[in-house]
Amino acid sequence: MIPQGDADRLLTNVLSMPPQFYPYLPLLKSALDIASPARIGVYDCLYVALAEREGCDLLTADDRLVRTLQPTFAFVTSLAALP
């Protein structure tokens, strides 16, 4: 829950950093290589491939994605694991 009075400041912070967009075509082969053996959608695996390429964590609420891929891709992190 956002404390009362903090919403304006937090919204300003979010809007001050526009999202970065990445082309998906360079990630498609890697995403397919991840998706096929795991039987997970290529769309979801595009995020995994991007996180792998960028060397960052992938935070997700998709428990199946975490259970299936975290043993191989340790950077796939469950949102539920956050404090």
PDB file of N, CA and C in Angstrom:
ATOM      1  N   MET A   1       0.841  -1.170   0.000  1.00  0.00           N
ATOM      2  CA  MET A   1       0.000   0.000   0.000  1.00  0.00           C
ATOM      3  C   MET A   1       0.894   1.243   0.000  1.00  0.00           C
ATOM      4  N   ILE A   2       0.524   2.207  -0.769  1.00  0.00           N
ATOM      5  CA  ILE A   2       1.272   3.465  -0.849  1.00  0.00           C
ATOM      6  C   ILE A   2       0.787   4.389   0.264  1.00  0.00           C
ATOM      7  N   PRO A   3       1.705   4.884   1.077  1.00  0.00           N
ATOM      8  CA  PRO A   3       1.297   5.793   2.149  1.00  0.00           C
ATOM      9  C   PRO A   3       0.602   7.033   1.595  1.00  0.00           C
ATOM     10  N   GLN A   4      -0.392   7.493   2.332  1.00  0.00           N
ATOM     11  CA  GLN A   4      -1.150   8.670   1.913  1.00  0.00           C
ATOM     12  C   GLN A   4      -0.204   9.857   1.738  1.00  0.00           C
ATOM     13  N   GLY A   5      -0.357  10.553   0.637  1.00  0.00           N
ATOM     14  CA  GLY A   5       0.468  11.718   0.343  1.00  0.00           C
ATOM     15  C   GLY A   5       1.702  11.412  -0.500  1.00  0.00           C
ATOM     16  N   ASP A   6       2.020  10.130  -0.714  1.00  0.00           N
ATOM     17  CA  ASP A   6       3.213   9.755  -1.481  1.00  0.00           C
ATOM     18  C   ASP A   6       2.935   9.512  -2.967  1.00  0.00           C
ATOM     19  N   ALA A   7       1.672   9.389  -3.334  1.00  0.00           N
ATOM     20  CA  ALA A   7       1.327   9.011  -4.706  1.00  0.00           C
ATOM     21  C   ALA A   7       1.853  10.016  -5.733  1.00  0.00           C
ATOM     22  N   ASP A   8       1.701  11.307  -5.488  1.00  0.00           N
ATOM     23  CA  ASP A   8       2.167  12.309  -6.454  1.00  0.00           C
ATOM     24  C   ASP A   8       3.671  12.219  -6.668  1.00  0.00           C
ATOM     25  N   ARG A   9       4.419  12.089  -5.596  1.00  0.00           N
ATOM     26  CA  ARG A   9       5.880  12.003  -5.692  1.00  0.00           C
ATOM     27  C   ARG A   9       6.288  10.730  -6.436  1.00  0.00           C
ATOM     28  N   LEU A  10       5.647   9.620  -6.119  1.00  0.00           N
ATOM     29  CA  LEU A  10       5.987   8.354  -6.771  1.00  0.00           C
ATOM     30  C   LEU A  10       5.629   8.377  -8.251  1.00  0.00           C
ATOM     31  N   LEU A  11       4.496   8.950  -8.597  1.00  0.00           N
ATOM     32  CA  LEU A  11       4.112   9.061 -10.000  1.00  0.00           C
ATOM     33  C   LEU A  11       5.099   9.928 -10.769  1.00  0.00           C
ATOM     34  N   THR A  12       5.525  11.016 -10.167  1.00  0.00           N
ATOM     35  CA  THR A  12       6.522  11.884 -10.804  1.00  0.00           C
ATOM     36  C   THR A  12       7.815  11.115 -11.056  1.00  0.00           C
ATOM     37  N   ASN A  13       8.232  10.298 -10.095  1.00  0.00           N
ATOM     38  CA  ASN A  13       9.437   9.481 -10.265  1.00  0.00           C
ATOM     39  C   ASN A  13       9.287   8.506 -11.431  1.00  0.00           C
ATOM     40  N   VAL A  14       8.159   7.852 -11.514  1.00  0.00           N
ATOM     41  CA  VAL A  14       7.930   6.881 -12.585  1.00  0.00           C
ATOM     42  C   VAL A  14       7.930   7.581 -13.945  1.00  0.00           C
ATOM     43  N   LEU A  15       7.252   8.721 -14.023  1.00  0.00           N
ATOM     44  CA  LEU A  15       7.143   9.419 -15.305  1.00  0.00           C
ATOM     45  C   LEU A  15       8.435  10.101 -15.723  1.00  0.00           C
ATOM     46  N   SER A  16       9.345  10.317 -14.790  1.00  0.00           N
ATOM     47  CA  SER A  16      10.609  10.970 -15.133  1.00  0.00           C
ATOM     48  C   SER A  16      11.584  10.008 -15.817  1.00  0.00           C
ATOM     49  N   MET A  17      11.305   8.733 -15.750  1.00  0.00           N
ATOM     50  CA  MET A  17      12.160   7.734 -16.384  1.00  0.00           C
ATOM     51  C   MET A  17      11.311   6.917 -17.354  1.00  0.00           C
ATOM     52  N   PRO A  18      11.190   7.357 -18.597  1.00  0.00           N
ATOM     53  CA  PRO A  18      10.362   6.613 -19.545  1.00  0.00           C
ATOM     54  C   PRO A  18      10.957   5.217 -19.789  1.00  0.00           C
ATOM     55  N   PRO A  19      10.105   4.255 -20.115  1.00  0.00           N
ATOM     56  CA  PRO A  19      10.616   2.898 -20.346  1.00  0.00           C
ATOM     57  C   PRO A  19      11.515   2.844 -21.573  1.00  0.00           C
ATOM     58  N   GLN A  20      12.453   1.908 -21.535  1.00  0.00           N
ATOM     59  CA  GLN A  20      13.295   1.665 -22.699  1.00  0.00           C
ATOM     60  C   GLN A  20      12.647   0.550 -23.514  1.00  0.00           C
ATOM     61  N   PHE A  21      12.646   0.711 -24.802  1.00  0.00           N
ATOM     62  CA  PHE A  21      12.091  -0.309 -25.682  1.00  0.00           C
ATOM     63  C   PHE A  21      13.233  -1.020 -26.394  1.00  0.00           C
ATOM     64  N   TYR A  22      13.093  -2.336 -26.528  1.00  0.00           N
ATOM     65  CA  TYR A  22      14.106  -3.144 -27.172  1.00  0.00           C
ATOM     66  C   TYR A  22      13.458  -3.901 -28.328  1.00  0.00           C
ATOM     67  N   PRO A  23      14.145  -3.996 -29.459  1.00  0.00           N
ATOM     68  CA  PRO A  23      13.593  -4.797 -30.552  1.00  0.00           C
ATOM     69  C   PRO A  23      13.609  -6.275 -30.164  1.00  0.00           C
ATOM     70  N   TYR A  24      12.554  -6.972 -30.532  1.00  0.00           N
ATOM     71  CA  TYR A  24      12.454  -8.374 -30.144  1.00  0.00           C
ATOM     72  C   TYR A  24      13.147  -9.327 -31.116  1.00  0.00           C
ATOM     73  N   LEU A  25      13.325  -8.935 -32.368  1.00  0.00           N
ATOM     74  CA  LEU A  25      13.901  -9.857 -33.346  1.00  0.00           C
ATOM     75  C   LEU A  25      15.285 -10.382 -32.959  1.00  0.00           C
ATOM     76  N   PRO A  26      16.191  -9.541 -32.430  1.00  0.00           N
ATOM     77  CA  PRO A  26      17.493 -10.086 -32.037  1.00  0.00           C
ATOM     78  C   PRO A  26      17.408 -11.089 -30.872  1.00  0.00           C
ATOM     79  N   LEU A  27      16.300 -11.079 -30.138  1.00  0.00           N
ATOM     80  CA  LEU A  27      16.136 -11.963 -28.980  1.00  0.00           C
ATOM     81  C   LEU A  27      15.336 -13.217 -29.305  1.00  0.00           C
ATOM     82  N   LEU A  28      14.737 -13.254 -30.483  1.00  0.00           N
ATOM     83  CA  LEU A  28      13.776 -14.300 -30.813  1.00  0.00           C
ATOM     84  C   LEU A  28      14.383 -15.700 -30.807  1.00  0.00           C
ATOM     85  N   LYS A  29      15.544 -15.884 -31.383  1.00  0.00           N
ATOM     86  CA  LYS A  29      16.177 -17.217 -31.420  1.00  0.00           C
ATOM     87  C   LYS A  29      16.488 -17.699 -30.012  1.00  0.00           C
ATOM     88  N   SER A  30      17.044 -16.831 -29.198  1.00  0.00           N
ATOM     89  CA  SER A  30      17.344 -17.202 -27.818  1.00  0.00           C
ATOM     90  C   SER A  30      16.060 -17.532 -27.049  1.00  0.00           C
ATOM     91  N   ALA A  31      15.025 -16.718 -27.237  1.00  0.00           N
ATOM     92  CA  ALA A  31      13.750 -16.963 -26.566  1.00  0.00           C
ATOM     93  C   ALA A  31      13.157 -18.308 -26.980  1.00  0.00           C
ATOM     94  N   LEU A  32      13.256 -18.631 -28.250  1.00  0.00           N
ATOM     95  CA  LEU A  32      12.750 -19.911 -28.738  1.00  0.00           C
ATOM     96  C   LEU A  32      13.556 -21.070 -28.149  1.00  0.00           C
ATOM     97  N   ASP A  33      14.869 -20.906 -28.043  1.00  0.00           N
ATOM     98  CA  ASP A  33      15.717 -21.938 -27.456  1.00  0.00           C
ATOM     99  C   ASP A  33      15.383 -22.176 -25.983  1.00  0.00           C
ATOM    100  N   ILE A  34      14.954 -21.136 -25.294  1.00  0.00           N
ATOM    101  CA  ILE A  34      14.551 -21.259 -23.890  1.00  0.00           C
ATOM    102  C   ILE A  34      13.149 -21.858 -23.802  1.00  0.00           C
ATOM    103  N   ALA A  35      12.249 -21.410 -24.657  1.00  0.00           N
ATOM    104  CA  ALA A  35      10.835 -21.788 -24.584  1.00  0.00           C
ATOM    105  C   ALA A  35      10.579 -23.245 -24.946  1.00  0.00           C
ATOM    106  N   SER A  36      11.218 -23.741 -25.981  1.00  0.00           N
ATOM    107  CA  SER A  36      10.891 -25.078 -26.491  1.00  0.00           C
ATOM    108  C   SER A  36      11.075 -26.182 -25.461  1.00  0.00           C
ATOM    109  N   PRO A  37      12.259 -26.348 -24.872  1.00  0.00           N
ATOM    110  CA  PRO A  37      12.398 -27.446 -23.915  1.00  0.00           C
ATOM    111  C   PRO A  37      11.596 -27.223 -22.627  1.00  0.00           C
ATOM    112  N   ALA A  38      11.365 -25.984 -22.270  1.00  0.00           N
ATOM    113  CA  ALA A  38      10.645 -25.678 -21.043  1.00  0.00           C
ATOM    114  C   ALA A  38       9.130 -25.709 -21.234  1.00  0.00           C
ATOM    115  N   ARG A  39       8.685 -25.734 -22.498  1.00  0.00           N
ATOM    116  CA  ARG A  39       7.253 -25.702 -22.815  1.00  0.00           C
ATOM    117  C   ARG A  39       6.588 -24.460 -22.224  1.00  0.00           C
ATOM    118  N   ILE A  40       7.264 -23.329 -22.413  1.00  0.00           N
ATOM    119  CA  ILE A  40       6.773 -22.023 -21.972  1.00  0.00           C
ATOM    120  C   ILE A  40       6.651 -21.154 -23.215  1.00  0.00           C
ATOM    121  N   GLY A  41       5.711 -20.231 -23.201  1.00  0.00           N
ATOM    122  CA  GLY A  41       5.487 -19.379 -24.355  1.00  0.00           C
ATOM    123  C   GLY A  41       6.702 -18.539 -24.722  1.00  0.00           C
ATOM    124  N   VAL A  42       6.908 -18.377 -26.012  1.00  0.00           N
ATOM    125  CA  VAL A  42       8.031 -17.578 -26.509  1.00  0.00           C
ATOM    126  C   VAL A  42       7.919 -16.143 -26.007  1.00  0.00           C
ATOM    127  N   TYR A  43       6.695 -15.632 -25.926  1.00  0.00           N
ATOM    128  CA  TYR A  43       6.492 -14.264 -25.447  1.00  0.00           C
ATOM    129  C   TYR A  43       7.126 -14.071 -24.074  1.00  0.00           C
ATOM    130  N   ASP A  44       6.854 -14.987 -23.135  1.00  0.00           N
ATOM    131  CA  ASP A  44       7.438 -14.888 -21.797  1.00  0.00           C
ATOM    132  C   ASP A  44       8.954 -15.031 -21.847  1.00  0.00           C
ATOM    133  N   CYS A  45       9.427 -15.898 -22.700  1.00  0.00           N
ATOM    134  CA  CYS A  45      10.862 -16.151 -22.791  1.00  0.00           C
ATOM    135  C   CYS A  45      11.626 -15.007 -23.441  1.00  0.00           C
ATOM    136  N   LEU A  46      10.937 -14.133 -24.159  1.00  0.00           N
ATOM    137  CA  LEU A  46      11.599 -12.927 -24.666  1.00  0.00           C
ATOM    138  C   LEU A  46      12.121 -12.091 -23.503  1.00  0.00           C
ATOM    139  N   TYR A  47      11.351 -12.016 -22.427  1.00  0.00           N
ATOM    140  CA  TYR A  47      11.798 -11.280 -21.240  1.00  0.00           C
ATOM    141  C   TYR A  47      13.000 -11.963 -20.586  1.00  0.00           C
ATOM    142  N   VAL A  48      12.988 -13.279 -20.567  1.00  0.00           N
ATOM    143  CA  VAL A  48      14.119 -14.030 -20.005  1.00  0.00           C
ATOM    144  C   VAL A  48      15.364 -13.793 -20.857  1.00  0.00           C
ATOM    145  N   ALA A  49      15.209 -13.861 -22.163  1.00  0.00           N
ATOM    146  CA  ALA A  49      16.338 -13.635 -23.070  1.00  0.00           C
ATOM    147  C   ALA A  49      16.880 -12.217 -22.931  1.00  0.00           C
ATOM    148  N   LEU A  50      15.998 -11.241 -22.770  1.00  0.00           N
ATOM    149  CA  LEU A  50      16.436  -9.855 -22.595  1.00  0.00           C
ATOM    150  C   LEU A  50      17.188  -9.685 -21.281  1.00  0.00           C
ATOM    151  N   ALA A  51      16.661 -10.244 -20.208  1.00  0.00           N
ATOM    152  CA  ALA A  51      17.341 -10.147 -18.908  1.00  0.00           C
ATOM    153  C   ALA A  51      18.703 -10.826 -18.962  1.00  0.00           C
ATOM    154  N   GLU A  52      18.781 -11.956 -19.649  1.00  0.00           N
ATOM    155  CA  GLU A  52      20.063 -12.647 -19.791  1.00  0.00           C
ATOM    156  C   GLU A  52      21.057 -11.773 -20.553  1.00  0.00           C
ATOM    157  N   ARG A  53      20.616 -11.201 -21.658  1.00  0.00           N
ATOM    158  CA  ARG A  53      21.497 -10.350 -22.459  1.00  0.00           C
ATOM    159  C   ARG A  53      21.943  -9.108 -21.690  1.00  0.00           C
ATOM    160  N   GLU A  54      21.032  -8.513 -20.941  1.00  0.00           N
ATOM    161  CA  GLU A  54      21.340  -7.283 -20.213  1.00  0.00           C
ATOM    162  C   GLU A  54      22.050  -7.543 -18.877  1.00  0.00           C
ATOM    163  N   GLY A  55      22.109  -8.801 -18.469  1.00  0.00           N
ATOM    164  CA  GLY A  55      22.777  -9.139 -17.216  1.00  0.00           C
ATOM    165  C   GLY A  55      22.051  -8.615 -15.988  1.00  0.00           C
ATOM    166  N   CYS A  56      20.719  -8.695 -16.022  1.00  0.00           N
ATOM    167  CA  CYS A  56      19.935  -8.200 -14.889  1.00  0.00           C
ATOM    168  C   CYS A  56      18.934  -9.261 -14.447  1.00  0.00           C
ATOM    169  N   ASP A  57      18.305  -9.018 -13.314  1.00  0.00           N
ATOM    170  CA  ASP A  57      17.284  -9.928 -12.813  1.00  0.00           C
ATOM    171  C   ASP A  57      15.982  -9.718 -13.566  1.00  0.00           C
ATOM    172  N   LEU A  58      15.201 -10.782 -13.655  1.00  0.00           N
ATOM    173  CA  LEU A  58      13.847 -10.716 -14.184  1.00  0.00           C
ATOM    174  C   LEU A  58      12.914 -10.990 -13.017  1.00  0.00           C
ATOM    175  N   LEU A  59      12.162 -10.006 -12.634  1.00  0.00           N
ATOM    176  CA  LEU A  59      11.219 -10.105 -11.536  1.00  0.00           C
ATOM    177  C   LEU A  59       9.847 -10.415 -12.114  1.00  0.00           C
ATOM    178  N   THR A  60       9.221 -11.506 -11.653  1.00  0.00           N
ATOM    179  CA  THR A  60       7.949 -11.932 -12.221  1.00  0.00           C
ATOM    180  C   THR A  60       7.019 -12.489 -11.158  1.00  0.00           C
ATOM    181  N   ALA A  61       5.730 -12.355 -11.400  1.00  0.00           N
ATOM    182  CA  ALA A  61       4.713 -12.961 -10.543  1.00  0.00           C
ATOM    183  C   ALA A  61       4.259 -14.302 -11.117  1.00  0.00           C
ATOM    184  N   ASP A  62       4.873 -14.730 -12.216  1.00  0.00           N
ATOM    185  CA  ASP A  62       4.517 -15.986 -12.876  1.00  0.00           C
ATOM    186  C   ASP A  62       5.247 -17.134 -12.176  1.00  0.00           C
ATOM    187  N   ASP A  63       4.542 -17.801 -11.266  1.00  0.00           N
ATOM    188  CA  ASP A  63       5.161 -18.875 -10.475  1.00  0.00           C
ATOM    189  C   ASP A  63       5.654 -20.031 -11.333  1.00  0.00           C
ATOM    190  N   ARG A  64       4.917 -20.345 -12.382  1.00  0.00           N
ATOM    191  CA  ARG A  64       5.347 -21.444 -13.263  1.00  0.00           C
ATOM    192  C   ARG A  64       6.656 -21.090 -13.965  1.00  0.00           C
ATOM    193  N   LEU A  65       6.776 -19.859 -14.404  1.00  0.00           N
ATOM    194  CA  LEU A  65       8.005 -19.413 -15.057  1.00  0.00           C
ATOM    195  C   LEU A  65       9.184 -19.538 -14.090  1.00  0.00           C
ATOM    196  N   VAL A  66       8.979 -19.131 -12.859  1.00  0.00           N
ATOM    197  CA  VAL A  66      10.037 -19.221 -11.852  1.00  0.00           C
ATOM    198  C   VAL A  66      10.394 -20.677 -11.588  1.00  0.00           C
ATOM    199  N   ARG A  67       9.397 -21.509 -11.323  1.00  0.00           N
ATOM    200  CA  ARG A  67       9.657 -22.923 -11.012  1.00  0.00           C
ATOM    201  C   ARG A  67      10.382 -23.633 -12.149  1.00  0.00           C
ATOM    202  N   THR A  68       9.985 -23.333 -13.365  1.00  0.00           N
ATOM    203  CA  THR A  68      10.535 -24.035 -14.522  1.00  0.00           C
ATOM    204  C   THR A  68      11.922 -23.533 -14.909  1.00  0.00           C
ATOM    205  N   LEU A  69      12.132 -22.220 -14.849  1.00  0.00           N
ATOM    206  CA  LEU A  69      13.376 -21.658 -15.399  1.00  0.00           C
ATOM    207  C   LEU A  69      14.436 -21.278 -14.373  1.00  0.00           C
ATOM    208  N   GLN A  70      14.051 -21.062 -13.130  1.00  0.00           N
ATOM    209  CA  GLN A  70      15.042 -20.597 -12.150  1.00  0.00           C
ATOM    210  C   GLN A  70      16.203 -21.582 -11.948  1.00  0.00           C
ATOM    211  N   PRO A  71      15.988 -22.890 -12.029  1.00  0.00           N
ATOM    212  CA  PRO A  71      17.142 -23.787 -11.893  1.00  0.00           C
ATOM    213  C   PRO A  71      18.232 -23.540 -12.949  1.00  0.00           C
ATOM    214  N   THR A  72      17.838 -23.125 -14.141  1.00  0.00           N
ATOM    215  CA  THR A  72      18.793 -22.843 -15.212  1.00  0.00           C
ATOM    216  C   THR A  72      19.156 -21.370 -15.284  1.00  0.00           C
ATOM    217  N   PHE A  73      18.187 -20.522 -15.019  1.00  0.00           N
ATOM    218  CA  PHE A  73      18.377 -19.073 -15.102  1.00  0.00           C
ATOM    219  C   PHE A  73      18.139 -18.483 -13.712  1.00  0.00           C
ATOM    220  N   ALA A  74      19.184 -18.438 -12.913  1.00  0.00           N
ATOM    221  CA  ALA A  74      19.065 -18.012 -11.511  1.00  0.00           C
ATOM    222  C   ALA A  74      18.567 -16.579 -11.368  1.00  0.00           C
ATOM    223  N   PHE A  75      18.682 -15.793 -12.421  1.00  0.00           N
ATOM    224  CA  PHE A  75      18.249 -14.399 -12.358  1.00  0.00           C
ATOM    225  C   PHE A  75      16.732 -14.245 -12.460  1.00  0.00           C
ATOM    226  N   VAL A  76      16.012 -15.319 -12.737  1.00  0.00           N
ATOM    227  CA  VAL A  76      14.543 -15.268 -12.759  1.00  0.00           C
ATOM    228  C   VAL A  76      14.081 -15.324 -11.304  1.00  0.00           C
ATOM    229  N   THR A  77      13.483 -14.238 -10.833  1.00  0.00           N
ATOM    230  CA  THR A  77      13.162 -14.072  -9.423  1.00  0.00           C
ATOM    231  C   THR A  77      11.665 -13.890  -9.230  1.00  0.00           C
ATOM    232  N   SER A  78      11.134 -14.541  -8.217  1.00  0.00           N
ATOM    233  CA  SER A  78       9.721 -14.431  -7.915  1.00  0.00           C
ATOM    234  C   SER A  78       9.438 -13.122  -7.186  1.00  0.00           C
ATOM    235  N   LEU A  79       8.385 -12.475  -7.582  1.00  0.00           N
ATOM    236  CA  LEU A  79       7.933 -11.272  -6.906  1.00  0.00           C
ATOM    237  C   LEU A  79       7.617 -11.576  -5.444  1.00  0.00           C
ATOM    238  N   ALA A  80       7.126 -12.769  -5.181  1.00  0.00           N
ATOM    239  CA  ALA A  80       6.798 -13.173  -3.816  1.00  0.00           C
ATOM    240  C   ALA A  80       8.030 -13.290  -2.920  1.00  0.00           C
ATOM    241  N   ALA A  81       9.206 -13.391  -3.509  1.00  0.00           N
ATOM    242  CA  ALA A  81      10.437 -13.523  -2.728  1.00  0.00           C
ATOM    243  C   ALA A  81      10.918 -12.187  -2.167  1.00  0.00           C
ATOM    244  N   LEU A  82      10.318 -11.100  -2.642  1.00  0.00           N
ATOM    245  CA  LEU A  82      10.736  -9.773  -2.158  1.00  0.00           C
ATOM    246  C   LEU A  82      10.145  -9.527  -0.770  1.00  0.00           C
ATOM    247  N   PRO A  83      10.873  -8.751   0.019  1.00  0.00           N
ATOM    248  CA  PRO A  83      10.364  -8.448   1.370  1.00  0.00           C
ATOM    249  C   PRO A  83       9.125  -7.577   1.325  1.00  0.00           C
TER     250      PRO A  83
END
